Amino acid sequence: MGCLPVPLIALIGFAIGYFIDGRTGSVWGGGIGLIVGLALAVILLRAMRRANRR
């Protein structure tokens, strides 16, 4: 469940980049989406671990 945002946000970034700048934009959008998805997954996992400690 913690990794689910990674492919979803990467695909959303890919689509947004494609609509803005075609193929080049899709590569940049997919990369940015991947980074954002990884960051959100890390934040989610940290929050879940913090909740289990209590």
N, C-alpha and C. Protein backbone atom coordinates (compact mmCIF):
# COMPACT_ATOMS: atom_id res chain seq x y z
N MET A 1 0.83 -1.21 0.00
CA MET A 1 0.00 0.00 0.00
C MET A 1 0.86 1.25 0.00
N GLY A 2 2.01 1.20 0.65
CA GLY A 2 2.86 2.38 0.72
C GLY A 2 3.49 2.74 -0.60
N CYS A 3 3.60 1.78 -1.51
CA CYS A 3 4.22 2.05 -2.81
C CYS A 3 3.20 2.42 -3.88
N LEU A 4 1.93 2.37 -3.57
CA LEU A 4 0.90 2.66 -4.55
C LEU A 4 1.00 4.07 -5.14
N PRO A 5 1.35 5.10 -4.36
CA PRO A 5 1.45 6.44 -4.96
C PRO A 5 2.52 6.55 -6.04
N VAL A 6 3.54 5.72 -6.00
CA VAL A 6 4.65 5.84 -6.94
C VAL A 6 4.19 5.67 -8.39
N PRO A 7 3.57 4.54 -8.76
CA PRO A 7 3.15 4.43 -10.16
C PRO A 7 2.00 5.36 -10.53
N LEU A 8 1.10 5.62 -9.60
CA LEU A 8 -0.02 6.50 -9.91
C LEU A 8 0.44 7.92 -10.21
N ILE A 9 1.29 8.47 -9.37
CA ILE A 9 1.74 9.84 -9.57
C ILE A 9 2.70 9.92 -10.75
N ALA A 10 3.49 8.87 -11.00
CA ALA A 10 4.36 8.85 -12.17
C ALA A 10 3.52 8.89 -13.45
N LEU A 11 2.43 8.13 -13.48
CA LEU A 11 1.56 8.16 -14.66
C LEU A 11 0.87 9.51 -14.84
N ILE A 12 0.45 10.10 -13.74
CA ILE A 12 -0.17 11.42 -13.82
C ILE A 12 0.84 12.45 -14.33
N GLY A 13 2.07 12.39 -13.81
CA GLY A 13 3.12 13.29 -14.29
C GLY A 13 3.43 13.07 -15.76
N PHE A 14 3.45 11.81 -16.19
CA PHE A 14 3.67 11.47 -17.58
C PHE A 14 2.60 12.10 -18.47
N ALA A 15 1.34 11.96 -18.05
CA ALA A 15 0.23 12.50 -18.84
C ALA A 15 0.27 14.02 -18.90
N ILE A 16 0.52 14.67 -17.78
CA ILE A 16 0.58 16.14 -17.76
C ILE A 16 1.73 16.62 -18.63
N GLY A 17 2.89 15.99 -18.50
CA GLY A 17 4.04 16.37 -19.32
C GLY A 17 3.78 16.16 -20.80
N TYR A 18 3.08 15.09 -21.15
CA TYR A 18 2.78 14.82 -22.56
C TYR A 18 1.87 15.88 -23.14
N PHE A 19 0.87 16.31 -22.37
CA PHE A 19 -0.04 17.34 -22.86
C PHE A 19 0.64 18.70 -22.97
N ILE A 20 1.63 18.95 -22.13
CA ILE A 20 2.32 20.24 -22.16
C ILE A 20 3.35 20.31 -23.27
N ASP A 21 4.19 19.24 -23.40
CA ASP A 21 5.33 19.35 -24.33
C ASP A 21 5.57 18.07 -25.13
N GLY A 22 4.60 17.25 -25.33
CA GLY A 22 4.78 16.06 -26.16
C GLY A 22 5.67 15.02 -25.51
N ARG A 23 6.49 14.36 -26.33
CA ARG A 23 7.32 13.26 -25.81
C ARG A 23 8.37 13.73 -24.81
N THR A 24 9.01 14.84 -25.08
CA THR A 24 10.02 15.34 -24.14
C THR A 24 9.39 15.67 -22.80
N GLY A 25 8.26 16.30 -22.82
CA GLY A 25 7.56 16.64 -21.58
C GLY A 25 7.10 15.41 -20.82
N SER A 26 6.75 14.35 -21.56
CA SER A 26 6.31 13.15 -20.89
C SER A 26 7.45 12.49 -20.11
N VAL A 27 8.66 12.55 -20.65
CA VAL A 27 9.81 12.00 -19.93
C VAL A 27 10.07 12.81 -18.66
N TRP A 28 10.08 14.12 -18.78
CA TRP A 28 10.30 14.97 -17.60
C TRP A 28 9.16 14.82 -16.60
N GLY A 29 7.93 14.81 -17.09
CA GLY A 29 6.78 14.65 -16.19
C GLY A 29 6.78 13.31 -15.48
N GLY A 30 7.13 12.26 -16.20
CA GLY A 30 7.21 10.94 -15.57
C GLY A 30 8.30 10.88 -14.51
N GLY A 31 9.44 11.51 -14.78
CA GLY A 31 10.54 11.55 -13.80
C GLY A 31 10.16 12.33 -12.56
N ILE A 32 9.56 13.48 -12.77
CA ILE A 32 9.13 14.30 -11.64
C ILE A 32 8.04 13.57 -10.86
N GLY A 33 7.09 12.93 -11.56
CA GLY A 33 6.05 12.18 -10.89
C GLY A 33 6.62 11.02 -10.08
N LEU A 34 7.65 10.37 -10.61
CA LEU A 34 8.29 9.27 -9.89
C LEU A 34 8.94 9.76 -8.60
N ILE A 35 9.63 10.88 -8.68
CA ILE A 35 10.28 11.45 -7.48
C ILE A 35 9.24 11.86 -6.45
N VAL A 36 8.18 12.52 -6.89
CA VAL A 36 7.12 12.93 -5.96
C VAL A 36 6.44 11.71 -5.35
N GLY A 37 6.19 10.69 -6.16
CA GLY A 37 5.58 9.46 -5.64
C GLY A 37 6.46 8.78 -4.60
N LEU A 38 7.76 8.73 -4.84
CA LEU A 38 8.68 8.14 -3.86
C LEU A 38 8.69 8.94 -2.57
N ALA A 39 8.68 10.27 -2.70
CA ALA A 39 8.67 11.11 -1.50
C ALA A 39 7.38 10.89 -0.69
N LEU A 40 6.25 10.80 -1.38
CA LEU A 40 4.98 10.55 -0.68
C LEU A 40 4.95 9.18 -0.03
N ALA A 41 5.55 8.18 -0.69
CA ALA A 41 5.60 6.84 -0.11
C ALA A 41 6.44 6.85 1.17
N VAL A 42 7.56 7.58 1.16
CA VAL A 42 8.41 7.67 2.35
C VAL A 42 7.66 8.37 3.48
N ILE A 43 6.96 9.44 3.17
CA ILE A 43 6.19 10.16 4.18
C ILE A 43 5.10 9.26 4.76
N LEU A 44 4.42 8.50 3.91
CA LEU A 44 3.37 7.59 4.37
C LEU A 44 3.95 6.51 5.27
N LEU A 45 5.06 5.91 4.87
CA LEU A 45 5.66 4.86 5.69
C LEU A 45 6.14 5.38 7.03
N ARG A 46 6.72 6.57 7.05
CA ARG A 46 7.14 7.16 8.33
C ARG A 46 5.95 7.43 9.24
N ALA A 47 4.86 7.91 8.66
CA ALA A 47 3.67 8.19 9.47
C ALA A 47 3.08 6.88 10.02
N MET A 48 3.12 5.83 9.23
CA MET A 48 2.59 4.54 9.70
C MET A 48 3.47 3.96 10.80
N ARG A 49 4.78 4.09 10.67
CA ARG A 49 5.67 3.60 11.72
C ARG A 49 5.50 4.41 13.00
N ARG A 50 5.33 5.71 12.86
CA ARG A 50 5.14 6.57 14.03
C ARG A 50 3.84 6.21 14.74
N ALA A 51 2.80 5.86 13.99
CA ALA A 51 1.52 5.50 14.59
C ALA A 51 1.61 4.17 15.32
N ASN A 52 2.44 3.26 14.85
CA ASN A 52 2.59 1.96 15.51
C ASN A 52 3.37 2.05 16.82
N ARG A 53 4.21 3.05 16.97
CA ARG A 53 5.01 3.19 18.18
C ARG A 53 4.17 3.62 19.37
N ARG A 54 3.06 4.24 19.12
CA ARG A 54 2.22 4.77 20.21
C ARG A 54 1.37 3.73 20.82
